[in-house]
Amino acid sequence: MISADKVKKLREKTGSSMMECKKALTEAGGDEEKAMKILQEKGRVTAMKKSERKAEEGIIEAYIHSNKKVGVLLKLNCETDFVARNQEFKELAHEIAIHIAGMCTPDIEALLGEPFVKNPQITVKELIDEKIAKLGENIQIGEFVRYEL
């Protein structure tokens, strides 16, 4: 039997639903690390299914580094205005903009393959895939520009 505390702890770490967390923990025999890997894999599958859907809504995120010498404009797309207004989506855009500011990424394809600057264990694509699984919509980087003095 999987305890409610274990399910709650996994939910807090991953943002997945209580039912998904319970299923993953059951499948993993109560092992939290295995359960996290199961949830990540399910997130990738979900992201692949949603990748064909049009992402024509979204936001423009601007980030200026504290030294005022690096700036980024990022267009992050999603499927609906509802998700575009979601705080997690906005935070994702901000995190990606910070990543772009810190790296000299030439294009979107290269950006998606880079280890995420705040968590090198995952790529930027995997970060986006996690949010796709959580928010239930296709999310794509539309374009970005990095300015540097």
N, C-alpha and C. Protein backbone atom coordinates (compact mmCIF):
# COMPACT_ATOMS: atom_id res chain seq x y z
N MET A 1 0.84 -1.19 0.00
CA MET A 1 0.00 0.00 0.00
C MET A 1 0.88 1.25 0.00
N ILE A 2 0.56 2.18 -0.84
CA ILE A 2 1.32 3.42 -0.96
C ILE A 2 0.67 4.47 -0.04
N SER A 3 1.48 5.08 0.81
CA SER A 3 0.94 6.06 1.75
C SER A 3 0.58 7.37 1.05
N ALA A 4 -0.39 8.06 1.63
CA ALA A 4 -0.82 9.35 1.08
C ALA A 4 0.32 10.37 1.17
N ASP A 5 1.16 10.26 2.20
CA ASP A 5 2.29 11.18 2.33
C ASP A 5 3.28 11.02 1.19
N LYS A 6 3.53 9.76 0.79
CA LYS A 6 4.44 9.50 -0.33
C LYS A 6 3.87 10.08 -1.63
N VAL A 7 2.58 9.89 -1.83
CA VAL A 7 1.93 10.42 -3.03
C VAL A 7 2.01 11.94 -3.04
N LYS A 8 1.72 12.54 -1.89
CA LYS A 8 1.75 14.00 -1.77
C LYS A 8 3.16 14.54 -2.03
N LYS A 9 4.16 13.88 -1.49
CA LYS A 9 5.55 14.30 -1.67
C LYS A 9 5.95 14.24 -3.15
N LEU A 10 5.57 13.16 -3.84
CA LEU A 10 5.88 13.03 -5.26
C LEU A 10 5.13 14.08 -6.07
N ARG A 11 3.90 14.35 -5.70
CA ARG A 11 3.12 15.37 -6.40
C ARG A 11 3.77 16.73 -6.28
N GLU A 12 4.26 17.06 -5.09
CA GLU A 12 4.92 18.35 -4.86
C GLU A 12 6.19 18.48 -5.69
N LYS A 13 6.91 17.37 -5.86
CA LYS A 13 8.15 17.39 -6.65
C LYS A 13 7.89 17.48 -8.14
N THR A 14 6.84 16.82 -8.61
CA THR A 14 6.64 16.70 -10.06
C THR A 14 5.52 17.57 -10.61
N GLY A 15 4.55 17.91 -9.77
CA GLY A 15 3.41 18.67 -10.27
C GLY A 15 2.38 17.80 -10.96
N SER A 16 2.60 16.51 -11.02
CA SER A 16 1.64 15.59 -11.63
C SER A 16 0.43 15.42 -10.72
N SER A 17 -0.65 14.91 -11.28
CA SER A 17 -1.87 14.73 -10.50
C SER A 17 -1.65 13.66 -9.42
N MET A 18 -2.51 13.68 -8.40
CA MET A 18 -2.42 12.70 -7.31
C MET A 18 -2.56 11.28 -7.86
N MET A 19 -3.50 11.09 -8.78
CA MET A 19 -3.74 9.76 -9.35
C MET A 19 -2.52 9.28 -10.14
N GLU A 20 -1.92 10.17 -10.93
CA GLU A 20 -0.74 9.80 -11.71
C GLU A 20 0.42 9.43 -10.78
N CYS A 21 0.57 10.19 -9.72
CA CYS A 21 1.63 9.91 -8.75
C CYS A 21 1.41 8.56 -8.07
N LYS A 22 0.17 8.30 -7.69
CA LYS A 22 -0.13 7.03 -7.03
C LYS A 22 0.13 5.86 -7.99
N LYS A 23 -0.31 6.00 -9.25
CA LYS A 23 -0.07 4.94 -10.24
C LYS A 23 1.43 4.71 -10.44
N ALA A 24 2.19 5.79 -10.54
CA ALA A 24 3.63 5.67 -10.75
C ALA A 24 4.31 5.02 -9.56
N LEU A 25 3.92 5.41 -8.35
CA LEU A 25 4.50 4.81 -7.15
C LEU A 25 4.15 3.33 -7.04
N THR A 26 2.92 2.99 -7.39
CA THR A 26 2.50 1.59 -7.37
C THR A 26 3.32 0.79 -8.38
N GLU A 27 3.45 1.32 -9.58
CA GLU A 27 4.22 0.66 -10.64
C GLU A 27 5.69 0.51 -10.24
N ALA A 28 6.21 1.47 -9.49
CA ALA A 28 7.61 1.46 -9.08
C ALA A 28 7.84 0.73 -7.77
N GLY A 29 6.80 0.14 -7.22
CA GLY A 29 6.93 -0.59 -5.96
C GLY A 29 7.26 0.31 -4.79
N GLY A 30 6.82 1.57 -4.86
CA GLY A 30 7.04 2.51 -3.77
C GLY A 30 8.34 3.29 -3.86
N ASP A 31 9.18 2.99 -4.86
CA ASP A 31 10.46 3.68 -5.04
C ASP A 31 10.23 5.04 -5.70
N GLU A 32 10.54 6.11 -4.96
CA GLU A 32 10.26 7.47 -5.44
C GLU A 32 11.05 7.82 -6.70
N GLU A 33 12.32 7.43 -6.74
CA GLU A 33 13.16 7.74 -7.92
C GLU A 33 12.63 7.05 -9.17
N LYS A 34 12.25 5.79 -9.04
CA LYS A 34 11.69 5.06 -10.19
C LYS A 34 10.37 5.69 -10.61
N ALA A 35 9.57 6.08 -9.64
CA ALA A 35 8.28 6.70 -9.93
C ALA A 35 8.47 8.02 -10.70
N MET A 36 9.50 8.80 -10.31
CA MET A 36 9.78 10.05 -11.02
C MET A 36 10.16 9.76 -12.47
N LYS A 37 10.94 8.72 -12.69
CA LYS A 37 11.34 8.35 -14.06
C LYS A 37 10.12 7.91 -14.87
N ILE A 38 9.22 7.18 -14.24
CA ILE A 38 7.99 6.74 -14.91
C ILE A 38 7.17 7.95 -15.32
N LEU A 39 7.03 8.91 -14.41
CA LEU A 39 6.26 10.13 -14.72
C LEU A 39 6.94 10.94 -15.83
N GLN A 40 8.26 11.00 -15.82
CA GLN A 40 8.98 11.72 -16.88
C GLN A 40 8.74 11.06 -18.23
N GLU A 41 8.77 9.74 -18.26
CA GLU A 41 8.54 9.02 -19.52
C GLU A 41 7.11 9.24 -20.01
N LYS A 42 6.15 9.21 -19.10
CA LYS A 42 4.77 9.47 -19.48
C LYS A 42 4.62 10.89 -20.02
N GLY A 43 5.37 11.82 -19.43
CA GLY A 43 5.36 13.20 -19.89
C GLY A 43 5.89 13.32 -21.31
N ARG A 44 6.93 12.56 -21.63
CA ARG A 44 7.49 12.58 -23.00
C ARG A 44 6.49 12.03 -23.99
N VAL A 45 5.81 10.96 -23.61
CA VAL A 45 4.80 10.37 -24.50
C VAL A 45 3.67 11.36 -24.73
N THR A 46 3.22 12.01 -23.66
CA THR A 46 2.17 13.02 -23.78
C THR A 46 2.62 14.15 -24.69
N ALA A 47 3.85 14.60 -24.50
CA ALA A 47 4.38 15.70 -25.31
C ALA A 47 4.42 15.31 -26.79
N MET A 48 4.82 14.09 -27.07
CA MET A 48 4.87 13.63 -28.46
C MET A 48 3.48 13.63 -29.08
N LYS A 49 2.48 13.20 -28.33
CA LYS A 49 1.10 13.17 -28.83
C LYS A 49 0.60 14.58 -29.12
N LYS A 50 0.97 15.53 -28.29
CA LYS A 50 0.47 16.90 -28.43
C LYS A 50 1.27 17.73 -29.42
N SER A 51 2.43 17.26 -29.83
CA SER A 51 3.31 18.06 -30.68
C SER A 51 2.72 18.37 -32.05
N GLU A 52 1.73 17.62 -32.49
CA GLU A 52 1.10 17.87 -33.78
C GLU A 52 0.04 18.96 -33.72
N ARG A 53 -0.39 19.31 -32.53
CA ARG A 53 -1.44 20.32 -32.38
C ARG A 53 -0.85 21.71 -32.56
N LYS A 54 -1.66 22.62 -33.11
CA LYS A 54 -1.20 23.98 -33.37
C LYS A 54 -1.06 24.77 -32.08
N ALA A 55 0.04 25.51 -32.01
CA ALA A 55 0.31 26.38 -30.86
C ALA A 55 0.38 27.81 -31.38
N GLU A 56 -0.77 28.48 -31.41
CA GLU A 56 -0.85 29.82 -32.00
C GLU A 56 -1.09 30.92 -30.98
N GLU A 57 -1.23 30.57 -29.72
CA GLU A 57 -1.34 31.56 -28.65
C GLU A 57 0.01 31.62 -27.95
N GLY A 58 0.11 32.39 -26.89
CA GLY A 58 1.36 32.43 -26.14
C GLY A 58 1.67 33.81 -25.62
N ILE A 59 2.95 34.00 -25.28
CA ILE A 59 3.40 35.28 -24.73
C ILE A 59 4.77 35.64 -25.29
N ILE A 60 5.11 36.90 -25.13
CA ILE A 60 6.45 37.39 -25.41
C ILE A 60 7.09 37.66 -24.04
N GLU A 61 8.21 37.05 -23.79
CA GLU A 61 8.93 37.26 -22.52
C GLU A 61 10.18 38.06 -22.80
N ALA A 62 10.41 39.10 -22.01
CA ALA A 62 11.62 39.91 -22.10
C ALA A 62 12.44 39.70 -20.84
N TYR A 63 13.73 39.52 -21.02
CA TYR A 63 14.62 39.37 -19.87
C TYR A 63 15.85 40.23 -20.10
N ILE A 64 16.19 41.05 -19.13
CA ILE A 64 17.41 41.86 -19.16
C ILE A 64 18.25 41.43 -17.96
N HIS A 65 19.48 41.00 -18.23
CA HIS A 65 20.37 40.56 -17.16
C HIS A 65 20.70 41.75 -16.26
N SER A 66 21.03 41.46 -15.00
CA SER A 66 21.28 42.52 -14.01
C SER A 66 22.42 43.46 -14.39
N ASN A 67 23.36 43.01 -15.22
CA ASN A 67 24.45 43.89 -15.64
C ASN A 67 24.05 44.83 -16.79
N LYS A 68 22.83 44.68 -17.27
CA LYS A 68 22.27 45.50 -18.35
C LYS A 68 23.06 45.38 -19.65
N LYS A 69 23.77 44.26 -19.83
CA LYS A 69 24.56 44.06 -21.04
C LYS A 69 24.06 42.90 -21.89
N VAL A 70 23.11 42.15 -21.37
CA VAL A 70 22.52 41.03 -22.11
C VAL A 70 21.01 41.11 -21.98
N GLY A 71 20.33 40.95 -23.10
CA GLY A 71 18.87 40.95 -23.10
C GLY A 71 18.33 39.90 -24.04
N VAL A 72 17.13 39.40 -23.74
CA VAL A 72 16.50 38.37 -24.54
C VAL A 72 15.03 38.71 -24.76
N LEU A 73 14.56 38.50 -25.97
CA LEU A 73 13.13 38.51 -26.27
C LEU A 73 12.79 37.10 -26.75
N LEU A 74 11.79 36.50 -26.12
CA LEU A 74 11.40 35.13 -26.42
C LEU A 74 9.91 35.07 -26.72
N LYS A 75 9.55 34.39 -27.79
CA LYS A 75 8.15 34.13 -28.11
C LYS A 75 7.90 32.66 -27.80
N LEU A 76 7.06 32.42 -26.78
CA LEU A 76 6.73 31.06 -26.37
C LEU A 76 5.25 30.82 -26.69
N ASN A 77 4.99 29.81 -27.49
CA ASN A 77 3.64 29.53 -27.96
C ASN A 77 3.00 28.36 -27.22
N CYS A 78 1.67 28.44 -27.12
CA CYS A 78 0.84 27.36 -26.58
C CYS A 78 -0.45 27.33 -27.40
N GLU A 79 -1.37 26.47 -27.04
CA GLU A 79 -2.59 26.30 -27.82
C GLU A 79 -3.69 27.29 -27.49
N THR A 80 -3.80 27.67 -26.22
CA THR A 80 -4.92 28.53 -25.81
C THR A 80 -4.45 29.72 -24.99
N ASP A 81 -5.25 30.75 -25.01
CA ASP A 81 -5.00 31.94 -24.21
C ASP A 81 -5.07 31.60 -22.72
N PHE A 82 -5.89 30.62 -22.38
CA PHE A 82 -6.03 30.20 -20.98
C PHE A 82 -4.67 29.76 -20.42
N VAL A 83 -3.95 28.92 -21.14
CA VAL A 83 -2.63 28.46 -20.69
C VAL A 83 -1.62 29.60 -20.76
N ALA A 84 -1.73 30.46 -21.76
CA ALA A 84 -0.81 31.59 -21.89
C ALA A 84 -0.85 32.50 -20.67
N ARG A 85 -2.00 32.57 -20.00
CA ARG A 85 -2.13 33.39 -18.79
C ARG A 85 -1.76 32.63 -17.53
N ASN A 86 -1.50 31.34 -17.63
CA ASN A 86 -1.17 30.50 -16.49
C ASN A 86 0.20 30.88 -15.93
N GLN A 87 0.32 30.98 -14.62
CA GLN A 87 1.57 31.38 -13.98
C GLN A 87 2.72 30.42 -14.30
N GLU A 88 2.44 29.14 -14.35
CA GLU A 88 3.50 28.17 -14.66
C GLU A 88 4.04 28.36 -16.06
N PHE A 89 3.16 28.68 -17.01
CA PHE A 89 3.58 28.93 -18.38
C PHE A 89 4.47 30.18 -18.42
N LYS A 90 4.06 31.22 -17.71
CA LYS A 90 4.84 32.46 -17.65
C LYS A 90 6.22 32.20 -17.03
N GLU A 91 6.25 31.39 -15.98
CA GLU A 91 7.52 31.05 -15.33
C GLU A 91 8.41 30.25 -16.28
N LEU A 92 7.81 29.35 -17.06
CA LEU A 92 8.58 28.59 -18.04
C LEU A 92 9.22 29.53 -19.05
N ALA A 93 8.46 30.49 -19.55
CA ALA A 93 8.99 31.46 -20.51
C ALA A 93 10.16 32.22 -19.88
N HIS A 94 10.00 32.63 -18.64
CA HIS A 94 11.07 33.37 -17.95
C HIS A 94 12.32 32.51 -17.79
N GLU A 95 12.15 31.26 -17.39
CA GLU A 95 13.28 30.36 -17.19
C GLU A 95 14.03 30.11 -18.51
N ILE A 96 13.29 29.96 -19.58
CA ILE A 96 13.92 29.75 -20.89
C ILE A 96 14.66 31.01 -21.32
N ALA A 97 14.07 32.17 -21.08
CA ALA A 97 14.73 33.44 -21.43
C ALA A 97 16.03 33.60 -20.64
N ILE A 98 16.03 33.25 -19.37
CA ILE A 98 17.26 33.30 -18.57
C ILE A 98 18.30 32.36 -19.14
N HIS A 99 17.87 31.17 -19.53
CA HIS A 99 18.79 30.19 -20.13
C HIS A 99 19.43 30.76 -21.40
N ILE A 100 18.61 31.35 -22.25
CA ILE A 100 19.11 31.93 -23.50
C ILE A 100 20.11 33.04 -23.21
N ALA A 101 19.82 33.86 -22.20
CA ALA A 101 20.74 34.95 -21.84
C ALA A 101 22.10 34.41 -21.41
N GLY A 102 22.10 33.29 -20.74
CA GLY A 102 23.34 32.72 -20.24
C GLY A 102 24.13 31.92 -21.25
N MET A 103 23.50 31.56 -22.35
CA MET A 103 24.15 30.74 -23.37
C MET A 103 24.17 31.51 -24.69
N CYS A 104 25.06 31.15 -25.56
CA CYS A 104 25.09 31.76 -26.90
C CYS A 104 24.49 30.75 -27.88
N THR A 105 23.21 30.55 -27.77
CA THR A 105 22.50 29.54 -28.56
C THR A 105 22.18 30.10 -29.95
N PRO A 106 22.59 29.40 -31.01
CA PRO A 106 22.39 29.93 -32.36
C PRO A 106 20.96 29.82 -32.89
N ASP A 107 20.23 28.76 -32.49
CA ASP A 107 18.88 28.57 -33.03
C ASP A 107 18.04 27.69 -32.11
N ILE A 108 16.77 27.52 -32.45
CA ILE A 108 15.83 26.78 -31.61
C ILE A 108 16.25 25.32 -31.47
N GLU A 109 16.67 24.70 -32.55
CA GLU A 109 17.05 23.28 -32.49
C GLU A 109 18.20 23.06 -31.51
N ALA A 110 19.20 23.93 -31.59
CA ALA A 110 20.34 23.82 -30.66
C ALA A 110 19.88 24.09 -29.22
N LEU A 111 19.02 25.07 -29.06
CA LEU A 111 18.50 25.41 -27.73
C LEU A 111 17.81 24.22 -27.09
N LEU A 112 16.97 23.53 -27.83
CA LEU A 112 16.21 22.40 -27.28
C LEU A 112 17.11 21.27 -26.81
N GLY A 113 18.28 21.11 -27.43
CA GLY A 113 19.19 20.04 -27.05
C GLY A 113 20.15 20.38 -25.93
N GLU A 114 20.20 21.64 -25.53
CA GLU A 114 21.15 22.05 -24.49
C GLU A 114 20.70 21.59 -23.10
N PRO A 115 21.67 21.25 -22.23
CA PRO A 115 21.32 21.00 -20.84
C PRO A 115 20.79 22.30 -20.24
N PHE A 116 19.69 22.22 -19.52
CA PHE A 116 19.07 23.40 -18.94
C PHE A 116 20.00 23.98 -17.89
N VAL A 117 20.25 25.27 -17.95
CA VAL A 117 21.24 25.94 -17.12
C VAL A 117 20.96 25.79 -15.62
N LYS A 118 19.72 25.72 -15.21
CA LYS A 118 19.39 25.59 -13.78
C LYS A 118 19.31 24.14 -13.31
N ASN A 119 19.26 23.20 -14.25
CA ASN A 119 19.24 21.78 -13.92
C ASN A 119 19.85 21.00 -15.08
N PRO A 120 21.18 20.84 -15.09
CA PRO A 120 21.85 20.19 -16.21
C PRO A 120 21.48 18.71 -16.41
N GLN A 121 20.68 18.16 -15.50
CA GLN A 121 20.26 16.76 -15.64
C GLN A 121 19.22 16.61 -16.75
N ILE A 122 18.58 17.72 -17.14
CA ILE A 122 17.57 17.68 -18.20
C ILE A 122 17.92 18.70 -19.28
N THR A 123 17.39 18.46 -20.48
CA THR A 123 17.58 19.42 -21.57
C THR A 123 16.43 20.44 -21.54
N VAL A 124 16.57 21.49 -22.31
CA VAL A 124 15.51 22.48 -22.42
C VAL A 124 14.25 21.82 -22.98
N LYS A 125 14.42 20.91 -23.94
CA LYS A 125 13.26 20.19 -24.49
C LYS A 125 12.56 19.38 -23.43
N GLU A 126 13.31 18.71 -22.57
CA GLU A 126 12.69 17.92 -21.50
C GLU A 126 11.96 18.83 -20.51
N LEU A 127 12.51 20.00 -20.25
CA LEU A 127 11.83 20.98 -19.39
C LEU A 127 10.48 21.36 -20.00
N ILE A 128 10.47 21.64 -21.29
CA ILE A 128 9.23 21.99 -21.98
C ILE A 128 8.28 20.80 -21.98
N ASP A 129 8.79 19.60 -22.24
CA ASP A 129 7.94 18.40 -22.25
C ASP A 129 7.26 18.18 -20.90
N GLU A 130 7.96 18.47 -19.80
CA GLU A 130 7.36 18.34 -18.47
C GLU A 130 6.16 19.28 -18.34
N LYS A 131 6.30 20.50 -18.84
CA LYS A 131 5.19 21.47 -18.76
C LYS A 131 4.06 21.08 -19.70
N ILE A 132 4.38 20.50 -20.84
CA ILE A 132 3.34 20.02 -21.76
C ILE A 132 2.49 18.97 -21.04
N ALA A 133 3.16 18.04 -20.37
CA ALA A 133 2.45 16.98 -19.65
C ALA A 133 1.60 17.56 -18.53
N LYS A 134 2.13 18.56 -17.85
CA LYS A 134 1.42 19.13 -16.71
C LYS A 134 0.26 20.03 -17.14
N LEU A 135 0.49 20.88 -18.16
CA LEU A 135 -0.53 21.84 -18.57
C LEU A 135 -1.48 21.28 -19.62
N GLY A 136 -1.10 20.18 -20.27
CA GLY A 136 -1.99 19.51 -21.21
C GLY A 136 -2.10 20.16 -22.58
N GLU A 137 -1.12 20.98 -22.93
CA GLU A 137 -1.14 21.63 -24.25
C GLU A 137 0.24 21.57 -24.88
N ASN A 138 0.23 21.66 -26.21
CA ASN A 138 1.48 21.75 -26.95
C ASN A 138 2.13 23.10 -26.63
N ILE A 139 3.42 23.10 -26.36
CA ILE A 139 4.18 24.32 -26.09
C ILE A 139 5.39 24.30 -27.01
N GLN A 140 5.61 25.41 -27.69
CA GLN A 140 6.73 25.50 -28.62
C GLN A 140 7.42 26.85 -28.50
N ILE A 141 8.72 26.84 -28.72
CA ILE A 141 9.44 28.10 -28.81
C ILE A 141 9.20 28.64 -30.21
N GLY A 142 8.57 29.82 -30.28
CA GLY A 142 8.30 30.42 -31.58
C GLY A 142 9.57 30.99 -32.20
N GLU A 143 10.23 31.86 -31.45
CA GLU A 143 11.49 32.44 -31.88
C GLU A 143 12.10 33.18 -30.69
N PHE A 144 13.37 33.55 -30.84
CA PHE A 144 14.02 34.34 -29.79
C PHE A 144 15.15 35.16 -30.41
N VAL A 145 15.47 36.24 -29.69
CA VAL A 145 16.58 37.09 -30.06
C VAL A 145 17.37 37.38 -28.79
N ARG A 146 18.68 37.27 -28.89
CA ARG A 146 19.57 37.55 -27.75
C ARG A 146 20.43 38.74 -28.14
N TYR A 147 20.43 39.76 -27.31
CA TYR A 147 21.25 40.95 -27.53
C TYR A 147 22.35 40.98 -26.48
N GLU A 148 23.55 41.40 -26.93
CA GLU A 148 24.65 41.51 -25.99
C GLU A 148 25.55 42.68 -26.38
N LEU A 149 25.98 43.44 -25.39
CA LEU A 149 26.94 44.53 -25.61
C LEU A 149 28.35 43.99 -25.52
